[in-house]
N, C-alpha and C. Protein backbone atom coordinates (compact mmCIF):
# COMPACT_ATOMS: atom_id res chain seq x y z
N UNK A 1 28.75 -12.41 -135.94
CA UNK A 1 28.33 -11.04 -135.46
C UNK A 1 29.06 -10.85 -134.18
N UNK A 2 29.31 -9.48 -133.96
CA UNK A 2 29.72 -9.40 -132.57
C UNK A 2 28.62 -8.91 -131.72
N UNK A 3 28.86 -9.36 -130.31
CA UNK A 3 27.62 -8.95 -129.24
C UNK A 3 27.05 -7.60 -129.39
N UNK A 4 28.02 -6.46 -129.65
CA UNK A 4 27.33 -5.24 -129.61
C UNK A 4 26.45 -4.99 -131.07
N UNK A 5 26.85 -5.72 -132.26
CA UNK A 5 26.00 -5.54 -133.09
C UNK A 5 24.65 -6.34 -133.08
N UNK A 6 24.57 -7.44 -132.15
CA UNK A 6 23.38 -8.13 -131.82
C UNK A 6 22.88 -7.21 -130.96
N UNK A 7 23.25 -6.58 -129.76
CA UNK A 7 22.37 -5.81 -129.00
C UNK A 7 21.86 -4.61 -129.70
N UNK A 8 22.32 -4.05 -130.79
CA UNK A 8 21.81 -3.12 -131.31
C UNK A 8 20.79 -3.60 -132.32
N UNK A 9 20.62 -4.64 -132.99
CA UNK A 9 19.53 -5.12 -133.56
C UNK A 9 18.69 -5.38 -132.66
N UNK A 10 18.77 -6.20 -131.78
CA UNK A 10 17.78 -6.54 -130.79
C UNK A 10 17.02 -5.04 -130.09
N UNK A 11 17.80 -4.12 -129.84
CA UNK A 11 17.33 -2.97 -129.41
C UNK A 11 16.42 -2.34 -130.39
N UNK A 12 16.67 -2.38 -131.56
CA UNK A 12 15.99 -1.71 -132.78
C UNK A 12 14.55 -2.63 -133.20
N UNK A 13 14.78 -4.02 -132.54
CA UNK A 13 13.62 -4.64 -132.99
C UNK A 13 12.54 -4.87 -131.42
N UNK A 14 13.39 -4.54 -130.27
CA UNK A 14 12.62 -4.17 -128.87
C UNK A 14 11.74 -2.82 -129.00
N UNK A 15 11.92 -1.75 -129.95
CA UNK A 15 11.32 -0.53 -129.69
C UNK A 15 9.81 -0.75 -130.05
N UNK A 16 9.85 -1.36 -131.27
CA UNK A 16 8.49 -1.49 -132.02
C UNK A 16 7.45 -2.68 -131.25
N UNK A 17 8.27 -3.49 -130.66
CA UNK A 17 7.54 -4.44 -129.72
C UNK A 17 7.03 -3.64 -128.53
N UNK A 18 7.71 -3.17 -127.87
CA UNK A 18 7.61 -2.51 -126.68
C UNK A 18 6.31 -1.33 -126.91
N UNK A 19 6.41 -0.74 -128.20
CA UNK A 19 5.12 0.28 -128.43
C UNK A 19 4.07 -0.78 -128.41
N UNK A 20 3.97 -2.01 -129.14
CA UNK A 20 2.75 -2.76 -129.29
C UNK A 20 2.24 -3.30 -127.82
N UNK A 21 2.90 -3.42 -126.82
CA UNK A 21 2.75 -3.54 -125.54
C UNK A 21 2.05 -2.51 -124.85
N UNK A 22 2.47 -1.35 -125.07
CA UNK A 22 1.76 -0.17 -124.89
C UNK A 22 0.40 0.23 -125.28
N UNK A 23 0.21 -0.37 -126.39
CA UNK A 23 -1.05 -0.20 -126.96
C UNK A 23 -2.18 -1.09 -126.38
N UNK A 24 -1.83 -1.65 -125.36
CA UNK A 24 -2.99 -2.37 -124.40
C UNK A 24 -2.82 -1.90 -123.15
N UNK A 25 -3.95 -1.30 -122.75
CA UNK A 25 -3.78 -0.44 -121.14
C UNK A 25 -3.64 -1.71 -120.23
N UNK A 26 -2.66 -1.37 -119.44
CA UNK A 26 -2.37 -2.03 -118.10
C UNK A 26 -1.48 -3.27 -118.67
N UNK A 27 -1.24 -3.39 -119.98
CA UNK A 27 -0.17 -4.55 -120.03
C UNK A 27 1.12 -4.46 -119.96
N UNK A 28 1.97 -5.73 -119.92
CA UNK A 28 3.56 -5.86 -119.65
C UNK A 28 3.90 -6.90 -120.32
N UNK A 29 5.42 -6.91 -120.28
CA UNK A 29 5.75 -7.86 -121.14
C UNK A 29 7.28 -8.36 -120.06
N UNK A 30 7.54 -9.86 -120.23
CA UNK A 30 8.51 -10.13 -119.33
C UNK A 30 9.58 -10.18 -119.95
N UNK A 31 10.90 -9.87 -119.09
CA UNK A 31 12.21 -9.57 -119.82
C UNK A 31 12.18 -11.21 -121.04
N UNK A 32 11.69 -12.39 -120.21
CA UNK A 32 11.83 -13.39 -120.82
C UNK A 32 10.98 -13.57 -122.37
N UNK A 33 10.06 -13.12 -122.48
CA UNK A 33 9.26 -12.71 -123.52
C UNK A 33 9.71 -11.75 -124.45
N UNK A 34 10.37 -10.91 -123.87
CA UNK A 34 10.96 -9.52 -124.92
C UNK A 34 12.28 -10.46 -125.51
N UNK A 35 12.96 -11.00 -124.84
CA UNK A 35 14.15 -11.51 -125.09
C UNK A 35 13.91 -12.70 -126.35
N UNK A 36 12.71 -13.67 -126.09
CA UNK A 36 12.52 -14.55 -127.13
C UNK A 36 12.07 -13.73 -128.13
N UNK A 37 10.93 -12.85 -128.20
CA UNK A 37 10.72 -12.01 -129.78
C UNK A 37 11.44 -11.19 -130.22
N UNK A 38 12.55 -10.40 -129.63
CA UNK A 38 13.70 -10.01 -130.14
C UNK A 38 14.60 -10.72 -131.01
N UNK A 39 14.85 -12.03 -130.22
CA UNK A 39 15.68 -13.13 -131.07
C UNK A 39 14.90 -13.47 -132.35
N UNK A 40 13.59 -13.94 -132.28
CA UNK A 40 12.88 -14.48 -133.12
C UNK A 40 12.62 -13.45 -134.58
N UNK A 41 12.31 -12.23 -134.14
CA UNK A 41 12.04 -11.43 -135.02
C UNK A 41 13.55 -10.76 -135.78
N UNK A 42 14.74 -10.91 -135.19
CA UNK A 42 15.51 -10.68 -135.85
C UNK A 42 16.61 -11.44 -136.40
N UNK A 43 15.97 -12.63 -135.92
CA UNK A 43 16.55 -13.98 -136.68
C UNK A 43 18.17 -14.38 -136.08
N UNK A 44 18.62 -13.46 -134.80
CA UNK A 44 19.81 -13.47 -134.48
C UNK A 44 19.52 -14.26 -132.78
N UNK A 45 20.11 -15.29 -132.52
CA UNK A 45 20.24 -16.15 -131.38
C UNK A 45 21.19 -16.14 -130.44
N UNK A 46 20.84 -15.99 -129.56
CA UNK A 46 22.37 -16.04 -128.47
C UNK A 46 22.13 -17.29 -127.51
N UNK A 47 23.13 -17.85 -127.15
CA UNK A 47 23.16 -18.75 -125.99
C UNK A 47 23.56 -18.43 -124.85
N UNK A 48 23.56 -17.01 -124.59
CA UNK A 48 24.06 -16.38 -123.51
C UNK A 48 23.06 -16.29 -122.33
N UNK A 49 23.15 -16.18 -121.08
CA UNK A 49 22.18 -15.90 -120.39
C UNK A 49 21.55 -14.75 -120.38
N UNK A 50 20.27 -14.68 -120.07
CA UNK A 50 19.43 -13.52 -120.26
C UNK A 50 19.92 -12.36 -119.77
N UNK A 51 20.32 -12.38 -118.49
CA UNK A 51 20.84 -11.40 -117.43
C UNK A 51 21.91 -10.99 -117.77
N UNK A 52 22.67 -11.32 -118.70
CA UNK A 52 24.02 -11.07 -119.41
C UNK A 52 23.93 -10.16 -120.79
N UNK A 53 22.78 -10.19 -121.26
CA UNK A 53 22.73 -9.03 -122.38
C UNK A 53 21.59 -8.53 -122.25
N UNK A 54 20.11 -8.53 -121.74
CA UNK A 54 18.92 -7.97 -121.81
C UNK A 54 19.29 -6.51 -121.30
N UNK A 55 19.95 -6.40 -120.46
CA UNK A 55 20.28 -4.85 -119.63
C UNK A 55 20.74 -4.23 -120.85
N UNK A 56 21.57 -4.34 -121.35
CA UNK A 56 22.54 -3.59 -122.50
C UNK A 56 21.54 -3.38 -123.39
N UNK A 57 20.39 -4.34 -123.68
CA UNK A 57 19.63 -3.89 -124.91
C UNK A 57 18.42 -3.15 -124.43
N UNK A 58 18.11 -2.96 -123.18
CA UNK A 58 17.15 -2.03 -122.93
C UNK A 58 17.71 -0.77 -122.39
N UNK A 59 18.72 -0.65 -122.07
CA UNK A 59 19.74 0.63 -121.87
C UNK A 59 19.40 1.20 -123.23
N UNK A 60 19.80 0.60 -124.07
CA UNK A 60 19.71 1.18 -125.83
C UNK A 60 18.36 1.67 -125.78
N UNK A 61 17.34 0.97 -125.63
CA UNK A 61 15.61 1.42 -125.67
C UNK A 61 15.34 2.65 -124.73
N UNK A 62 16.15 2.70 -123.58
CA UNK A 62 16.02 3.77 -122.70
C UNK A 62 16.54 5.39 -123.57
N UNK A 63 17.90 5.02 -123.58
CA UNK A 63 18.26 6.25 -124.49
C UNK A 63 17.60 6.54 -125.90
N UNK A 64 17.20 5.77 -126.61
CA UNK A 64 16.41 6.10 -127.89
C UNK A 64 15.04 6.65 -127.41
N UNK A 65 14.52 6.18 -126.57
CA UNK A 65 13.12 6.65 -126.13
C UNK A 65 13.28 8.32 -125.56
N UNK A 66 14.38 8.37 -124.77
CA UNK A 66 14.47 9.86 -124.30
C UNK A 66 14.73 10.48 -125.50
N UNK A 67 16.03 10.23 -126.42
CA UNK A 67 15.95 10.84 -127.68
C UNK A 67 14.73 11.63 -128.50
N UNK A 68 14.01 10.59 -128.49
CA UNK A 68 12.81 10.56 -129.41
C UNK A 68 11.59 11.56 -128.52
N UNK A 69 11.75 11.91 -127.38
CA UNK A 69 10.69 12.26 -126.33
C UNK A 69 9.80 11.29 -126.02
N UNK A 70 9.85 9.86 -126.01
CA UNK A 70 8.65 9.26 -125.85
C UNK A 70 8.91 8.59 -124.27
N UNK A 71 7.83 8.55 -123.40
CA UNK A 71 8.12 7.75 -122.53
C UNK A 71 8.86 6.74 -122.39
N UNK A 72 9.31 6.42 -121.03
CA UNK A 72 10.39 4.97 -121.06
C UNK A 72 9.87 3.75 -121.02
N UNK A 73 9.86 3.49 -122.33
CA UNK A 73 9.08 1.92 -122.90
C UNK A 73 9.70 0.84 -121.77
N UNK A 74 10.75 0.91 -121.63
CA UNK A 74 11.36 -0.10 -120.59
C UNK A 74 10.61 -0.38 -119.20
N UNK A 75 9.67 0.50 -118.88
CA UNK A 75 8.64 0.48 -117.40
C UNK A 75 7.80 -0.73 -118.05
N UNK A 76 7.82 -0.99 -118.89
CA UNK A 76 6.52 -2.45 -119.72
C UNK A 76 7.33 -3.56 -119.42
N UNK A 77 8.52 -3.53 -119.20
CA UNK A 77 9.31 -4.88 -119.21
C UNK A 77 9.53 -5.34 -117.55
N UNK A 78 8.94 -6.37 -117.04
CA UNK A 78 9.05 -7.22 -115.90
C UNK A 78 9.64 -8.25 -115.52
N UNK A 79 9.98 -8.41 -114.41
CA UNK A 79 10.38 -9.86 -114.10
C UNK A 79 9.01 -10.81 -113.84
N UNK A 80 9.11 -12.38 -114.77
CA UNK A 80 8.11 -13.15 -114.64
C UNK A 80 7.62 -13.75 -113.35
N UNK A 81 8.96 -13.40 -112.35
CA UNK A 81 8.65 -14.08 -111.29
C UNK A 81 8.00 -13.21 -109.84
N UNK A 82 8.34 -11.89 -110.15
CA UNK A 82 7.71 -10.82 -108.99
C UNK A 82 6.75 -9.77 -109.76
N UNK A 83 6.99 -9.35 -110.92
CA UNK A 83 6.46 -8.40 -111.53
C UNK A 83 7.03 -7.28 -111.36
N UNK A 84 8.27 -7.19 -111.19
CA UNK A 84 9.06 -5.87 -110.89
C UNK A 84 10.10 -5.38 -112.16
N UNK A 85 10.22 -4.06 -112.26
CA UNK A 85 11.11 -3.76 -113.21
C UNK A 85 12.20 -3.99 -112.87
N UNK A 86 12.72 -3.81 -111.71
CA UNK A 86 14.04 -4.28 -111.32
C UNK A 86 15.04 -3.28 -111.09
N UNK A 87 16.08 -3.43 -110.75
CA UNK A 87 17.17 -2.77 -110.69
C UNK A 87 17.90 -1.82 -112.01
N UNK A 88 17.54 -2.58 -112.83
CA UNK A 88 17.59 -1.89 -114.43
C UNK A 88 17.03 -0.95 -114.85
N UNK A 89 16.07 -0.30 -114.03
CA UNK A 89 15.21 0.67 -114.06
C UNK A 89 15.98 2.00 -113.79
N UNK A 90 17.06 1.87 -112.84
CA UNK A 90 17.77 2.84 -112.48
C UNK A 90 18.16 3.61 -113.51
N UNK A 91 18.42 3.19 -114.99
CA UNK A 91 18.94 3.63 -116.20
C UNK A 91 17.93 4.67 -116.64
N UNK A 92 16.72 4.33 -116.36
CA UNK A 92 15.43 5.45 -117.01
C UNK A 92 15.39 6.69 -115.97
N UNK A 93 15.62 6.45 -114.66
CA UNK A 93 15.94 7.81 -114.01
C UNK A 93 17.30 8.51 -114.14
N UNK A 94 18.43 7.89 -114.74
CA UNK A 94 19.76 8.47 -114.68
C UNK A 94 19.43 9.15 -116.25
N UNK A 95 19.04 8.61 -117.02
CA UNK A 95 19.01 9.50 -118.48
C UNK A 95 17.81 10.28 -118.29
N UNK A 96 16.99 10.24 -117.46
CA UNK A 96 15.98 11.57 -117.50
C UNK A 96 16.59 12.59 -116.50
N UNK A 97 17.53 12.11 -116.00
CA UNK A 97 18.39 13.44 -114.97
C UNK A 97 17.53 13.17 -113.52
N UNK A 98 16.84 12.32 -113.04
CA UNK A 98 16.07 12.24 -112.01
C UNK A 98 16.86 11.42 -110.97
N UNK A 99 16.87 11.53 -109.71
CA UNK A 99 17.65 11.10 -108.66
C UNK A 99 17.09 9.29 -108.65
N UNK A 100 18.20 8.43 -108.13
CA UNK A 100 17.70 7.30 -108.02
C UNK A 100 16.96 6.73 -106.86
N UNK A 101 16.11 6.01 -107.04
CA UNK A 101 15.10 5.47 -105.69
C UNK A 101 15.47 4.44 -105.22
N UNK A 102 15.83 4.37 -104.12
CA UNK A 102 16.38 3.22 -103.32
C UNK A 102 15.22 2.27 -102.56
N UNK A 103 13.86 2.76 -102.57
CA UNK A 103 13.00 2.33 -102.08
C UNK A 103 12.47 1.50 -103.05
N UNK A 104 12.07 0.21 -102.89
CA UNK A 104 11.83 -0.96 -104.19
C UNK A 104 10.44 -0.41 -104.59
N UNK A 105 9.33 0.02 -103.40
CA UNK A 105 8.19 0.24 -103.98
C UNK A 105 7.86 1.63 -104.72
N UNK A 106 8.75 2.54 -104.21
CA UNK A 106 8.93 3.76 -104.70
C UNK A 106 9.14 3.73 -106.28
N UNK A 107 10.17 2.96 -106.46
CA UNK A 107 10.74 2.63 -107.71
C UNK A 107 9.70 2.12 -108.72
N UNK A 108 8.78 0.85 -108.28
CA UNK A 108 7.76 0.35 -108.93
C UNK A 108 6.80 1.27 -109.24
N UNK A 109 6.50 2.13 -108.40
CA UNK A 109 5.15 3.36 -108.21
C UNK A 109 5.82 4.31 -109.67
N UNK A 110 7.07 4.56 -109.50
CA UNK A 110 7.44 5.29 -110.91
C UNK A 110 7.18 4.55 -112.32
N UNK A 111 7.67 3.61 -112.03
CA UNK A 111 7.69 2.91 -113.41
C UNK A 111 5.75 2.83 -113.64
N UNK A 112 5.12 2.54 -112.70
CA UNK A 112 3.99 2.40 -113.00
C UNK A 112 3.16 3.76 -113.87
N UNK A 113 3.77 4.93 -112.94
CA UNK A 113 3.41 6.19 -114.01
C UNK A 113 4.04 6.24 -115.23
N UNK A 114 5.17 5.60 -115.16
CA UNK A 114 5.65 5.54 -116.77
C UNK A 114 5.03 4.61 -117.57
N UNK A 115 4.40 3.59 -117.36
CA UNK A 115 3.68 2.51 -118.02
C UNK A 115 2.24 3.39 -118.42
N UNK A 116 1.67 4.60 -117.66
CA UNK A 116 0.55 5.06 -117.87
C UNK A 116 0.72 5.96 -118.85
N UNK A 117 1.84 6.71 -119.00
CA UNK A 117 2.28 7.50 -119.86
C UNK A 117 2.47 6.90 -121.40
N UNK A 118 3.16 5.62 -121.11
CA UNK A 118 3.17 4.83 -122.41
C UNK A 118 2.04 4.19 -123.00
N UNK A 119 0.96 4.21 -122.14
CA UNK A 119 -0.17 3.68 -122.57
C UNK A 119 -1.00 4.97 -123.35
N UNK A 120 -0.91 6.15 -122.86
CA UNK A 120 -1.52 7.17 -123.43
C UNK A 120 -0.90 7.77 -124.78
N UNK A 121 0.51 7.55 -124.65
CA UNK A 121 1.19 8.07 -125.87
C UNK A 121 1.31 7.34 -127.08
N UNK A 122 0.66 5.93 -126.81
CA UNK A 122 0.76 5.00 -128.07
C UNK A 122 -0.69 4.22 -128.39
N UNK A 123 -1.49 5.16 -127.66
CA UNK A 123 -3.11 5.08 -128.15
C UNK A 123 -3.55 3.80 -127.56
N UNK A 124 -3.34 3.30 -126.32
CA UNK A 124 -4.18 2.26 -125.64
C UNK A 124 -5.46 2.75 -125.27
N UNK A 125 -6.39 1.92 -125.63
CA UNK A 125 -7.68 2.37 -125.12
C UNK A 125 -8.01 2.39 -123.65
N UNK A 126 -8.18 3.73 -123.20
CA UNK A 126 -8.02 4.13 -121.68
C UNK A 126 -9.56 4.21 -121.34
N UNK A 127 -9.89 4.16 -119.95
CA UNK A 127 -11.30 4.23 -119.37
C UNK A 127 -11.43 5.91 -119.60
N UNK A 128 -12.85 6.02 -119.50
CA UNK A 128 -13.17 7.45 -119.54
C UNK A 128 -12.63 8.49 -118.55
N UNK A 129 -12.23 8.09 -117.42
CA UNK A 129 -11.22 8.71 -116.57
C UNK A 129 -9.86 8.92 -117.22
N UNK A 130 -9.39 8.59 -117.79
CA UNK A 130 -7.99 8.71 -118.64
C UNK A 130 -7.19 7.62 -117.83
N UNK A 131 -7.59 6.70 -117.08
CA UNK A 131 -6.82 5.60 -116.71
C UNK A 131 -5.94 5.93 -115.50
N UNK A 132 -5.47 4.82 -114.82
CA UNK A 132 -4.57 5.02 -113.65
C UNK A 132 -3.55 4.42 -113.57
N UNK A 133 -2.49 4.81 -112.82
CA UNK A 133 -1.13 4.35 -112.79
C UNK A 133 -1.43 2.75 -112.13
N UNK A 134 -0.90 1.67 -112.39
CA UNK A 134 -0.96 0.48 -111.67
C UNK A 134 0.12 -0.35 -111.58
N UNK A 135 0.69 -0.96 -110.56
CA UNK A 135 1.93 -1.78 -110.81
C UNK A 135 1.54 -2.94 -111.46
N UNK A 136 2.27 -3.45 -111.85
CA UNK A 136 2.27 -4.95 -112.74
C UNK A 136 1.60 -5.71 -112.27
N UNK A 137 0.39 -6.55 -112.87
CA UNK A 137 -0.44 -7.41 -112.06
C UNK A 137 0.21 -8.58 -111.07
N UNK A 138 1.29 -9.49 -111.42
CA UNK A 138 1.61 -9.88 -110.44
C UNK A 138 2.08 -9.30 -109.12
N UNK A 139 2.87 -8.19 -109.30
CA UNK A 139 3.47 -7.37 -107.95
C UNK A 139 2.28 -7.06 -107.08
N UNK A 140 1.06 -6.20 -107.80
CA UNK A 140 -0.24 -5.89 -107.27
C UNK A 140 -0.79 -7.11 -106.48
N UNK A 141 -0.68 -8.19 -106.98
CA UNK A 141 -1.45 -9.35 -106.43
C UNK A 141 -0.63 -9.70 -105.05
N UNK A 142 0.70 -9.58 -105.15
CA UNK A 142 1.68 -9.42 -103.70
C UNK A 142 1.56 -8.68 -102.74
N UNK A 143 1.34 -7.47 -103.40
CA UNK A 143 1.09 -6.30 -102.26
C UNK A 143 -0.29 -6.49 -101.57
N UNK A 144 -1.19 -7.00 -102.51
CA UNK A 144 -2.54 -7.25 -101.62
C UNK A 144 -2.80 -8.10 -100.86
N UNK A 145 -1.66 -9.32 -100.87
CA UNK A 145 -1.88 -10.73 -100.33
C UNK A 145 -0.97 -10.06 -98.91
N UNK A 146 0.02 -9.47 -99.06
CA UNK A 146 0.77 -8.96 -97.59
C UNK A 146 0.01 -8.13 -97.25
N UNK A 147 -0.87 -7.03 -97.40
CA UNK A 147 -1.99 -6.17 -96.74
C UNK A 147 -3.08 -6.86 -96.07
N UNK A 148 -3.28 -8.01 -96.82
CA UNK A 148 -4.40 -8.89 -96.33
C UNK A 148 -4.08 -9.49 -94.73
N UNK A 149 -2.55 -10.27 -95.12
CA UNK A 149 -1.95 -10.86 -94.26
C UNK A 149 -1.82 -9.89 -92.97
N UNK A 150 -1.30 -8.71 -93.10
CA UNK A 150 -1.18 -7.71 -91.73
C UNK A 150 -2.35 -7.27 -91.55
N UNK A 151 -3.28 -7.13 -92.16
CA UNK A 151 -4.67 -6.62 -91.56
C UNK A 151 -5.32 -7.85 -90.69
N UNK A 152 -5.03 -8.82 -91.04
CA UNK A 152 -5.81 -10.14 -90.22
C UNK A 152 -4.96 -10.64 -89.18
N UNK A 153 -3.43 -10.20 -89.42
CA UNK A 153 -2.63 -10.62 -88.09
C UNK A 153 -2.99 -10.10 -86.64
N UNK A 154 -3.14 -10.86 -85.94
CA UNK A 154 -3.25 -10.57 -84.73
C UNK A 154 -2.31 -10.19 -83.62
N UNK A 155 -2.37 -9.07 -82.83
CA UNK A 155 -0.97 -8.58 -82.46
C UNK A 155 -0.88 -9.87 -81.22
N UNK A 156 0.31 -10.08 -80.90
CA UNK A 156 0.87 -10.98 -79.71
C UNK A 156 0.13 -10.44 -78.27
N UNK A 157 -0.16 -11.77 -77.91
CA UNK A 157 -0.89 -11.83 -76.30
C UNK A 157 0.30 -11.57 -75.40
N UNK A 158 0.19 -10.78 -74.46
CA UNK A 158 1.08 -10.33 -73.63
C UNK A 158 0.64 -10.66 -72.23
N UNK A 159 1.36 -10.85 -71.17
CA UNK A 159 1.28 -11.19 -69.70
C UNK A 159 0.79 -9.84 -69.23
N UNK A 160 -0.42 -9.86 -68.68
CA UNK A 160 -1.00 -8.52 -68.10
C UNK A 160 -0.18 -8.08 -66.78
N UNK A 161 0.67 -9.17 -66.28
CA UNK A 161 1.51 -8.40 -65.02
C UNK A 161 2.94 -8.29 -65.27
N UNK A 162 3.75 -8.88 -66.16
CA UNK A 162 4.88 -8.61 -66.63
C UNK A 162 5.15 -8.01 -67.94
N UNK A 163 4.54 -8.42 -68.60
CA UNK A 163 4.24 -7.50 -70.18
C UNK A 163 5.20 -8.35 -71.04
N UNK A 164 5.58 -9.58 -70.90
CA UNK A 164 6.26 -10.17 -71.97
C UNK A 164 5.35 -11.18 -72.52
N UNK A 165 5.76 -11.40 -73.76
CA UNK A 165 4.92 -11.90 -74.78
C UNK A 165 4.47 -13.46 -74.15
N UNK A 166 3.14 -13.93 -74.24
CA UNK A 166 2.93 -15.22 -73.81
C UNK A 166 3.40 -16.42 -74.97
N UNK A 167 3.81 -17.34 -74.16
CA UNK A 167 4.35 -18.51 -75.32
C UNK A 167 2.77 -18.81 -75.82
N UNK A 168 2.67 -19.88 -76.82
CA UNK A 168 1.32 -20.60 -77.21
C UNK A 168 0.55 -21.18 -75.97
N UNK A 169 1.09 -21.62 -75.22
CA UNK A 169 0.09 -22.11 -73.91
C UNK A 169 -0.76 -21.21 -73.59
N UNK A 170 -0.19 -19.91 -73.62
CA UNK A 170 -1.19 -18.81 -72.84
C UNK A 170 -0.96 -18.34 -71.50
N UNK A 171 -0.19 -19.23 -71.28
CA UNK A 171 0.54 -19.22 -69.65
C UNK A 171 1.91 -18.59 -69.55
N UNK A 172 2.19 -17.39 -68.95
CA UNK A 172 3.49 -16.84 -68.43
C UNK A 172 4.24 -17.72 -67.95
N UNK A 173 5.59 -17.82 -68.54
CA UNK A 173 6.66 -18.54 -67.98
C UNK A 173 7.17 -17.99 -66.78
N UNK A 174 7.06 -16.88 -67.01
CA UNK A 174 7.73 -16.05 -65.49
C UNK A 174 6.65 -15.92 -64.51
N UNK A 175 5.17 -15.69 -64.70
CA UNK A 175 4.45 -15.45 -63.61
C UNK A 175 3.67 -16.72 -63.35
N UNK A 176 3.42 -17.53 -64.19
CA UNK A 176 2.93 -18.90 -63.86
C UNK A 176 1.29 -18.84 -63.94
């Protein structure tokens, strides 16, 4: 089987799998989990590295979702290490005719809004307020840790005479 044929089969398998993910509020799936599932359900395996083929498959899913009028299901797919949708999300924006988002957090917030649309479209049980867009859990935890560090960080101590940052001793090297 040629690679392009396998990609098409995997994209066809990925679509309903992503709809299943969208049926659970605030759920996501990792690239690795999705890759394993599409290979298992299609019975077509590859030894190629994930990053060499998953983008092509998800690009097909992006275009099919747009054709059907569905929200971008690929917003549900995140990296296992950081919980981000990653650079490939630019294809969602491109297909929708939207400008690219250079800021990483802005891109992730766009994906969070897209995920909320997926949850609403595919029947996830939502809270009474209709739900809120949320960063993927792993990314949200990293953002909260960073905020806590910044909040607890003490500004550097400065010499009151020459206004140079003091060394750890607390004694200015210039003023003594």
